[in-house]
Amino acid sequence: MTNPSKSFHGISGSTLKLIAIITMLIDHTGATLISAIQYHPAIASDTELALLWQRIYDISRDIGRIAFPIFCFLLVEGYQHTRDVKKYAGRLLLFALISEVPFDIALKGSWYFPDKQNVYFTLFIGLLVLVGITWITGNGTRNLFLAVIPIALGMYVALKINTDYNYKGVFLIAILYLMRYSRLYQCVGGAAATAWEIPAPLAYIPVYLYNGRRGLRLKYLFYWFYPAHLMALYLIETYVIPALPL
């Protein structure tokens, strides 16, 4: 088996994180601002303009499919290198709670939308699944077949509370972890696990080029960027888009 952490000329973890953040921003911009522009009276009444903005919307959402697989990969990497998994889990849970209102109001149109939970909850549950897999297997191949227990439990919880990407996201995290000893197998397995959402498998091109290095210290960039950008998009959608002379 190959060593996925062996350094070679490729891209760093911080570059991967920036790719994920930028594609996520494009996705959420499509889901909020571009969607709002589509329904602006001046656009909706013009067939050609409406079709154009629909195409822009579709492209932005397609680009956004690249973000989540990268974040899942970075979670697996973070779990393998963290010095304190309890603090890691605590940060994910804290920002899951912080992000819930921005997520609900920006993407669900309500300050309180209990039927859907933000992606931090998916990552938090996924991390707990990795802890369970490690505990059962001894961080190796011992009792590997029993890894299905924490995976199934995590998938059930994510589905039950309906987190973003729900059980599919937890399953992806587990696959990336179980195949962590080979970057090629990791990428093939991850691509297969996300094949239901084209073009998400394209995310594994930059993942394959990951060189195992941290790069710039961007530890808290995503943590704060996620709720902040959602709130900013909501404010622009609510107060700026309606006032545009389109």
C-alpha atoms as a PDB file:
ATOM      1  CA  MET A   1       0.000   0.000   0.000  1.00  0.00           C
ATOM      2  CA  THR A   2       1.120   3.528  -0.705  1.00  0.00           C
ATOM      3  CA  ASN A   3       1.606   6.138   1.968  1.00  0.00           C
ATOM      4  CA  PRO A   4      -0.890   8.989   1.363  1.00  0.00           C
ATOM      5  CA  SER A   5       1.044  11.379   3.586  1.00  0.00           C
ATOM      6  CA  LYS A   6       4.268  11.071   1.610  1.00  0.00           C
ATOM      7  CA  SER A   7       5.207  14.531   0.386  1.00  0.00           C
ATOM      8  CA  PHE A   8       5.385  15.306  -3.308  1.00  0.00           C
ATOM      9  CA  HIS A   9       4.896  18.394  -5.409  1.00  0.00           C
ATOM     10  CA  GLY A  10       1.178  18.951  -5.118  1.00  0.00           C
ATOM     11  CA  ILE A  11      -1.218  21.115  -3.180  1.00  0.00           C
ATOM     12  CA  SER A  12      -1.298  21.738   0.548  1.00  0.00           C
ATOM     13  CA  GLY A  13      -4.116  21.280   3.027  1.00  0.00           C
ATOM     14  CA  SER A  14      -4.745  25.028   3.153  1.00  0.00           C
ATOM     15  CA  THR A  15      -5.109  25.114  -0.645  1.00  0.00           C
ATOM     16  CA  LEU A  16      -7.621  22.274  -0.449  1.00  0.00           C
ATOM     17  CA  LYS A  17      -9.511  24.168   2.224  1.00  0.00           C
ATOM     18  CA  LEU A  18      -9.608  27.329   0.087  1.00  0.00           C
ATOM     19  CA  ILE A  19     -10.890  25.355  -2.913  1.00  0.00           C
ATOM     20  CA  ALA A  20     -13.660  23.943  -0.739  1.00  0.00           C
ATOM     21  CA  ILE A  21     -14.525  27.350   0.736  1.00  0.00           C
ATOM     22  CA  ILE A  22     -14.635  29.094  -2.645  1.00  0.00           C
ATOM     23  CA  THR A  23     -16.770  26.399  -4.279  1.00  0.00           C
ATOM     24  CA  MET A  24     -19.084  26.389  -1.248  1.00  0.00           C
ATOM     25  CA  LEU A  25     -19.452  30.172  -1.515  1.00  0.00           C
ATOM     26  CA  ILE A  26     -20.324  29.860  -5.208  1.00  0.00           C
ATOM     27  CA  ASP A  27     -22.885  27.184  -4.363  1.00  0.00           C
ATOM     28  CA  HIS A  28     -24.555  29.202  -1.608  1.00  0.00           C
ATOM     29  CA  THR A  29     -24.471  32.346  -3.737  1.00  0.00           C
ATOM     30  CA  GLY A  30     -26.434  30.420  -6.313  1.00  0.00           C
ATOM     31  CA  ALA A  31     -28.887  29.129  -3.736  1.00  0.00           C
ATOM     32  CA  THR A  32     -29.531  32.619  -2.361  1.00  0.00           C
ATOM     33  CA  LEU A  33     -28.572  35.605  -4.508  1.00  0.00           C
ATOM     34  CA  ILE A  34     -28.848  34.088  -7.974  1.00  0.00           C
ATOM     35  CA  SER A  35     -32.087  32.385  -6.997  1.00  0.00           C
ATOM     36  CA  ALA A  36     -33.452  35.730  -5.791  1.00  0.00           C
ATOM     37  CA  ILE A  37     -32.422  37.428  -9.033  1.00  0.00           C
ATOM     38  CA  GLN A  38     -34.243  34.729 -10.993  1.00  0.00           C
ATOM     39  CA  TYR A  39     -37.501  35.660  -9.309  1.00  0.00           C
ATOM     40  CA  HIS A  40     -37.002  39.412  -9.581  1.00  0.00           C
ATOM     41  CA  PRO A  41     -39.996  40.718 -11.607  1.00  0.00           C
ATOM     42  CA  ALA A  42     -37.744  42.277 -14.261  1.00  0.00           C
ATOM     43  CA  ILE A  43     -35.998  38.947 -14.852  1.00  0.00           C
ATOM     44  CA  ALA A  44     -38.944  36.589 -14.487  1.00  0.00           C
ATOM     45  CA  SER A  45     -40.922  38.514 -17.087  1.00  0.00           C
ATOM     46  CA  ASP A  46     -38.182  38.165 -19.727  1.00  0.00           C
ATOM     47  CA  THR A  47     -37.922  34.607 -21.066  1.00  0.00           C
ATOM     48  CA  GLU A  48     -34.382  34.931 -22.401  1.00  0.00           C
ATOM     49  CA  LEU A  49     -33.074  36.558 -19.237  1.00  0.00           C
ATOM     50  CA  ALA A  50     -34.859  33.992 -17.111  1.00  0.00           C
ATOM     51  CA  LEU A  51     -33.222  31.144 -19.033  1.00  0.00           C
ATOM     52  CA  LEU A  52     -29.820  32.818 -18.753  1.00  0.00           C
ATOM     53  CA  TRP A  53     -30.079  33.192 -14.986  1.00  0.00           C
ATOM     54  CA  GLN A  54     -31.382  29.655 -14.681  1.00  0.00           C
ATOM     55  CA  ARG A  55     -28.247  28.458 -16.443  1.00  0.00           C
ATOM     56  CA  ILE A  56     -26.052  30.568 -14.142  1.00  0.00           C
ATOM     57  CA  TYR A  57     -27.913  29.100 -11.180  1.00  0.00           C
ATOM     58  CA  ASP A  58     -27.367  25.531 -12.393  1.00  0.00           C
ATOM     59  CA  ILE A  59     -23.646  26.112 -12.990  1.00  0.00           C
ATOM     60  CA  SER A  60     -23.157  27.647  -9.550  1.00  0.00           C
ATOM     61  CA  ARG A  61     -24.848  24.689  -7.850  1.00  0.00           C
ATOM     62  CA  ASP A  62     -22.798  22.215  -9.897  1.00  0.00           C
ATOM     63  CA  ILE A  63     -19.557  23.928  -8.884  1.00  0.00           C
ATOM     64  CA  GLY A  64     -20.692  23.767  -5.280  1.00  0.00           C
ATOM     65  CA  ARG A  65     -20.868  19.961  -5.363  1.00  0.00           C
ATOM     66  CA  ILE A  66     -17.058  19.928  -5.155  1.00  0.00           C
ATOM     67  CA  ALA A  67     -16.933  21.443  -1.666  1.00  0.00           C
ATOM     68  CA  PHE A  68     -18.406  18.779   0.613  1.00  0.00           C
ATOM     69  CA  PRO A  69     -16.175  15.843  -0.439  1.00  0.00           C
ATOM     70  CA  ILE A  70     -13.105  17.996   0.198  1.00  0.00           C
ATOM     71  CA  PHE A  71     -14.344  18.985   3.649  1.00  0.00           C
ATOM     72  CA  CYS A  72     -14.938  15.306   4.425  1.00  0.00           C
ATOM     73  CA  PHE A  73     -11.408  14.447   3.339  1.00  0.00           C
ATOM     74  CA  LEU A  74     -10.002  17.256   5.474  1.00  0.00           C
ATOM     75  CA  LEU A  75     -12.021  15.971   8.430  1.00  0.00           C
ATOM     76  CA  VAL A  76     -10.407  12.556   8.054  1.00  0.00           C
ATOM     77  CA  GLU A  77      -6.981  14.168   7.807  1.00  0.00           C
ATOM     78  CA  GLY A  78      -7.719  16.335  10.817  1.00  0.00           C
ATOM     79  CA  TYR A  79      -8.828  13.349  12.860  1.00  0.00           C
ATOM     80  CA  GLN A  80      -5.611  11.477  12.090  1.00  0.00           C
ATOM     81  CA  HIS A  81      -3.429  14.420  13.128  1.00  0.00           C
ATOM     82  CA  THR A  82      -5.357  16.027  15.984  1.00  0.00           C
ATOM     83  CA  ARG A  83      -3.771  15.999  19.419  1.00  0.00           C
ATOM     84  CA  ASP A  84      -7.104  16.178  21.195  1.00  0.00           C
ATOM     85  CA  VAL A  85     -10.101  14.607  19.500  1.00  0.00           C
ATOM     86  CA  LYS A  86     -12.411  15.828  22.296  1.00  0.00           C
ATOM     87  CA  LYS A  87     -11.527  19.456  21.546  1.00  0.00           C
ATOM     88  CA  TYR A  88     -11.882  18.773  17.829  1.00  0.00           C
ATOM     89  CA  ALA A  89     -15.359  17.345  18.347  1.00  0.00           C
ATOM     90  CA  GLY A  90     -16.225  20.194  20.706  1.00  0.00           C
ATOM     91  CA  ARG A  91     -15.334  22.807  18.084  1.00  0.00           C
ATOM     92  CA  LEU A  92     -17.466  21.082  15.466  1.00  0.00           C
ATOM     93  CA  LEU A  93     -20.441  20.875  17.805  1.00  0.00           C
ATOM     94  CA  LEU A  94     -20.020  24.492  18.947  1.00  0.00           C
ATOM     95  CA  PHE A  95     -20.006  25.816  15.392  1.00  0.00           C
ATOM     96  CA  ALA A  96     -22.870  23.514  14.456  1.00  0.00           C
ATOM     97  CA  LEU A  97     -24.922  25.340  17.071  1.00  0.00           C
ATOM     98  CA  ILE A  98     -23.585  28.776  16.051  1.00  0.00           C
ATOM     99  CA  SER A  99     -24.308  28.104  12.369  1.00  0.00           C
ATOM    100  CA  GLU A 100     -27.832  26.792  12.711  1.00  0.00           C
ATOM    101  CA  VAL A 101     -29.637  30.153  12.601  1.00  0.00           C
ATOM    102  CA  PRO A 102     -27.554  31.509   9.669  1.00  0.00           C
ATOM    103  CA  PHE A 103     -28.116  28.192   7.844  1.00  0.00           C
ATOM    104  CA  ASP A 104     -31.854  28.224   8.469  1.00  0.00           C
ATOM    105  CA  ILE A 105     -32.434  31.853   7.557  1.00  0.00           C
ATOM    106  CA  ALA A 106     -30.188  31.898   4.465  1.00  0.00           C
ATOM    107  CA  LEU A 107     -31.092  28.556   2.913  1.00  0.00           C
ATOM    108  CA  LYS A 108     -34.458  27.667   4.445  1.00  0.00           C
ATOM    109  CA  GLY A 109     -36.080  31.080   4.741  1.00  0.00           C
ATOM    110  CA  SER A 110     -36.807  30.886   8.457  1.00  0.00           C
ATOM    111  CA  TRP A 111     -35.044  31.746  11.699  1.00  0.00           C
ATOM    112  CA  TYR A 112     -36.056  28.327  12.993  1.00  0.00           C
ATOM    113  CA  PHE A 113     -36.248  25.337  10.665  1.00  0.00           C
ATOM    114  CA  PRO A 114     -36.016  22.111  12.718  1.00  0.00           C
ATOM    115  CA  ASP A 115     -36.482  19.822   9.718  1.00  0.00           C
ATOM    116  CA  LYS A 116     -32.938  20.378   8.400  1.00  0.00           C
ATOM    117  CA  GLN A 117     -29.573  20.734  10.175  1.00  0.00           C
ATOM    118  CA  ASN A 118     -26.388  22.353   8.864  1.00  0.00           C
ATOM    119  CA  VAL A 119     -23.336  20.523   7.580  1.00  0.00           C
ATOM    120  CA  TYR A 120     -21.397  20.901  10.829  1.00  0.00           C
ATOM    121  CA  PHE A 121     -23.720  18.340  12.394  1.00  0.00           C
ATOM    122  CA  THR A 122     -22.841  15.912   9.591  1.00  0.00           C
ATOM    123  CA  LEU A 123     -19.125  16.459  10.169  1.00  0.00           C
ATOM    124  CA  PHE A 124     -19.565  16.128  13.937  1.00  0.00           C
ATOM    125  CA  ILE A 125     -21.422  12.830  13.593  1.00  0.00           C
ATOM    126  CA  GLY A 126     -18.836  11.660  11.057  1.00  0.00           C
ATOM    127  CA  LEU A 127     -16.037  12.403  13.513  1.00  0.00           C
ATOM    128  CA  LEU A 128     -17.784  10.374  16.225  1.00  0.00           C
ATOM    129  CA  VAL A 129     -18.081   7.510  13.744  1.00  0.00           C
ATOM    130  CA  LEU A 130     -14.319   7.648  13.139  1.00  0.00           C
ATOM    131  CA  VAL A 131     -13.724   7.491  16.892  1.00  0.00           C
ATOM    132  CA  GLY A 132     -15.991   4.457  17.043  1.00  0.00           C
ATOM    133  CA  ILE A 133     -14.213   2.756  14.146  1.00  0.00           C
ATOM    134  CA  THR A 134     -10.832   3.372  15.788  1.00  0.00           C
ATOM    135  CA  TRP A 135     -12.044   2.003  19.120  1.00  0.00           C
ATOM    136  CA  ILE A 136     -13.443  -1.161  17.542  1.00  0.00           C
ATOM    137  CA  THR A 137     -10.618  -1.873  15.110  1.00  0.00           C
ATOM    138  CA  GLY A 138      -7.720  -0.705  17.260  1.00  0.00           C
ATOM    139  CA  ASN A 139      -6.712   1.749  14.506  1.00  0.00           C
ATOM    140  CA  GLY A 140      -5.875  -1.163  12.245  1.00  0.00           C
ATOM    141  CA  THR A 141      -7.556  -4.096  10.508  1.00  0.00           C
ATOM    142  CA  ARG A 142      -8.548  -5.984  13.689  1.00  0.00           C
ATOM    143  CA  ASN A 143     -12.322  -6.586  13.838  1.00  0.00           C
ATOM    144  CA  LEU A 144     -12.692  -4.435  10.744  1.00  0.00           C
ATOM    145  CA  PHE A 145     -16.054  -5.964   9.910  1.00  0.00           C
ATOM    146  CA  LEU A 146     -17.400  -4.593  13.203  1.00  0.00           C
ATOM    147  CA  ALA A 147     -16.784  -1.067  11.890  1.00  0.00           C
ATOM    148  CA  VAL A 148     -20.223  -1.370  10.326  1.00  0.00           C
ATOM    149  CA  ILE A 149     -21.734  -0.793  13.794  1.00  0.00           C
ATOM    150  CA  PRO A 150     -20.589   2.841  14.358  1.00  0.00           C
ATOM    151  CA  ILE A 151     -21.038   3.576  10.645  1.00  0.00           C
ATOM    152  CA  ALA A 152     -24.639   2.361  10.680  1.00  0.00           C
ATOM    153  CA  LEU A 153     -25.394   4.225  13.908  1.00  0.00           C
ATOM    154  CA  GLY A 154     -23.920   7.447  12.557  1.00  0.00           C
ATOM    155  CA  MET A 155     -25.826   7.129   9.297  1.00  0.00           C
ATOM    156  CA  TYR A 156     -29.058   6.513  11.195  1.00  0.00           C
ATOM    157  CA  VAL A 157     -28.609   9.569  13.440  1.00  0.00           C
ATOM    158  CA  ALA A 158     -27.727  11.827  10.492  1.00  0.00           C
ATOM    159  CA  LEU A 159     -30.799  10.599   8.619  1.00  0.00           C
ATOM    160  CA  LYS A 160     -33.042  10.910  11.673  1.00  0.00           C
ATOM    161  CA  ILE A 161     -32.192  14.553  12.368  1.00  0.00           C
ATOM    162  CA  ASN A 162     -31.750  15.247   8.619  1.00  0.00           C
ATOM    163  CA  THR A 163     -28.333  16.867   8.571  1.00  0.00           C
ATOM    164  CA  ASP A 164     -26.992  18.371   5.353  1.00  0.00           C
ATOM    165  CA  TYR A 165     -26.006  15.361   3.173  1.00  0.00           C
ATOM    166  CA  ASN A 166     -27.390  13.201   6.038  1.00  0.00           C
ATOM    167  CA  TYR A 167     -26.463   9.481   5.932  1.00  0.00           C
ATOM    168  CA  LYS A 168     -24.661   9.840   2.605  1.00  0.00           C
ATOM    169  CA  GLY A 169     -22.225  12.330   4.135  1.00  0.00           C
ATOM    170  CA  VAL A 170     -21.460  10.083   7.113  1.00  0.00           C
ATOM    171  CA  PHE A 171     -20.951   7.103   4.811  1.00  0.00           C
ATOM    172  CA  LEU A 172     -18.518   9.136   2.684  1.00  0.00           C
ATOM    173  CA  ILE A 173     -16.482  10.117   5.738  1.00  0.00           C
ATOM    174  CA  ALA A 174     -16.273   6.466   6.807  1.00  0.00           C
ATOM    175  CA  ILE A 175     -15.164   5.343   3.332  1.00  0.00           C
ATOM    176  CA  LEU A 176     -12.432   7.984   3.168  1.00  0.00           C
ATOM    177  CA  TYR A 177     -11.171   6.879   6.572  1.00  0.00           C
ATOM    178  CA  LEU A 178     -11.232   3.138   5.889  1.00  0.00           C
ATOM    179  CA  MET A 179      -9.275   3.685   2.647  1.00  0.00           C
ATOM    180  CA  ARG A 180      -6.829   6.171   4.175  1.00  0.00           C
ATOM    181  CA  TYR A 181      -3.767   3.971   3.558  1.00  0.00           C
ATOM    182  CA  SER A 182      -3.931   4.509  -0.210  1.00  0.00           C
ATOM    183  CA  ARG A 183      -4.660   7.907  -1.742  1.00  0.00           C
ATOM    184  CA  LEU A 184      -5.691   6.250  -5.013  1.00  0.00           C
ATOM    185  CA  TYR A 185      -8.139   3.885  -3.326  1.00  0.00           C
ATOM    186  CA  GLN A 186      -9.335   6.753  -1.149  1.00  0.00           C
ATOM    187  CA  CYS A 187     -10.150   8.875  -4.188  1.00  0.00           C
ATOM    188  CA  VAL A 188     -11.771   6.022  -6.114  1.00  0.00           C
ATOM    189  CA  GLY A 189     -13.853   5.049  -3.096  1.00  0.00           C
ATOM    190  CA  GLY A 190     -14.811   8.650  -2.425  1.00  0.00           C
ATOM    191  CA  ALA A 191     -15.742   9.239  -6.061  1.00  0.00           C
ATOM    192  CA  ALA A 192     -17.919   6.114  -6.039  1.00  0.00           C
ATOM    193  CA  ALA A 193     -19.590   7.226  -2.800  1.00  0.00           C
ATOM    194  CA  THR A 194     -20.474  10.609  -4.331  1.00  0.00           C
ATOM    195  CA  ALA A 195     -21.359   9.405  -7.827  1.00  0.00           C
ATOM    196  CA  TRP A 196     -25.020  10.055  -7.044  1.00  0.00           C
ATOM    197  CA  GLU A 197     -24.293  13.794  -7.167  1.00  0.00           C
ATOM    198  CA  ILE A 198     -22.444  14.688 -10.349  1.00  0.00           C
ATOM    199  CA  PRO A 199     -20.021  16.513 -10.560  1.00  0.00           C
ATOM    200  CA  ALA A 200     -19.004  15.857  -6.923  1.00  0.00           C
ATOM    201  CA  PRO A 201     -16.440  13.157  -7.924  1.00  0.00           C
ATOM    202  CA  LEU A 202     -14.340  15.900  -9.543  1.00  0.00           C
ATOM    203  CA  ALA A 203     -13.415  16.940  -6.002  1.00  0.00           C
ATOM    204  CA  TYR A 204     -11.017  14.014  -5.849  1.00  0.00           C
ATOM    205  CA  ILE A 205      -8.733  15.520  -8.468  1.00  0.00           C
ATOM    206  CA  PRO A 206      -7.372  18.132  -6.031  1.00  0.00           C
ATOM    207  CA  VAL A 207      -7.637  15.594  -3.194  1.00  0.00           C
ATOM    208  CA  TYR A 208      -5.379  13.217  -5.123  1.00  0.00           C
ATOM    209  CA  LEU A 209      -2.859  16.041  -5.563  1.00  0.00           C
ATOM    210  CA  TYR A 210      -2.732  16.715  -1.820  1.00  0.00           C
ATOM    211  CA  ASN A 211       0.892  16.566  -0.663  1.00  0.00           C
ATOM    212  CA  GLY A 212       0.285  15.900   3.014  1.00  0.00           C
ATOM    213  CA  ARG A 213       1.447  19.343   4.124  1.00  0.00           C
ATOM    214  CA  ARG A 214      -0.605  21.810   6.147  1.00  0.00           C
ATOM    215  CA  GLY A 215       0.331  24.936   4.199  1.00  0.00           C
ATOM    216  CA  LEU A 216      -0.996  28.218   5.558  1.00  0.00           C
ATOM    217  CA  ARG A 217      -2.459  28.140   9.065  1.00  0.00           C
ATOM    218  CA  LEU A 218      -6.171  28.508   8.324  1.00  0.00           C
ATOM    219  CA  LYS A 219      -7.440  26.539  11.303  1.00  0.00           C
ATOM    220  CA  TYR A 220     -10.426  28.719  12.097  1.00  0.00           C
ATOM    221  CA  LEU A 221     -11.130  30.139   8.646  1.00  0.00           C
ATOM    222  CA  PHE A 222     -13.842  27.632   7.741  1.00  0.00           C
ATOM    223  CA  TYR A 223     -15.262  27.530  11.251  1.00  0.00           C
ATOM    224  CA  TRP A 224     -16.153  31.225  11.154  1.00  0.00           C
ATOM    225  CA  PHE A 225     -16.566  31.601   7.401  1.00  0.00           C
ATOM    226  CA  TYR A 226     -19.465  29.158   7.252  1.00  0.00           C
ATOM    227  CA  PRO A 227     -21.929  31.052   9.497  1.00  0.00           C
ATOM    228  CA  ALA A 228     -20.585  34.483   8.507  1.00  0.00           C
ATOM    229  CA  HIS A 229     -20.995  34.040   4.756  1.00  0.00           C
ATOM    230  CA  LEU A 230     -24.480  32.565   5.155  1.00  0.00           C
ATOM    231  CA  MET A 231     -25.581  35.568   7.213  1.00  0.00           C
ATOM    232  CA  ALA A 232     -24.021  37.974   4.715  1.00  0.00           C
ATOM    233  CA  LEU A 233     -25.784  36.284   1.809  1.00  0.00           C
ATOM    234  CA  TYR A 234     -29.090  36.485   3.649  1.00  0.00           C
ATOM    235  CA  LEU A 235     -28.676  40.217   4.249  1.00  0.00           C
ATOM    236  CA  ILE A 236     -27.756  40.868   0.608  1.00  0.00           C
ATOM    237  CA  GLU A 237     -30.643  38.730  -0.636  1.00  0.00           C
ATOM    238  CA  THR A 238     -33.124  40.468   1.667  1.00  0.00           C
ATOM    239  CA  TYR A 239     -32.064  44.095   1.466  1.00  0.00           C
ATOM    240  CA  VAL A 240     -29.964  44.552  -1.687  1.00  0.00           C
ATOM    241  CA  ILE A 241     -31.384  42.306  -4.424  1.00  0.00           C
ATOM    242  CA  PRO A 242     -34.979  43.685  -4.170  1.00  0.00           C
ATOM    243  CA  ALA A 243     -33.640  47.229  -4.567  1.00  0.00           C
ATOM    244  CA  LEU A 244     -31.626  46.531  -7.710  1.00  0.00           C
ATOM    245  CA  PRO A 245     -32.900  48.301 -10.848  1.00  0.00           C
ATOM    246  CA  LEU A 246     -32.847  45.154 -12.960  1.00  0.00           C
END
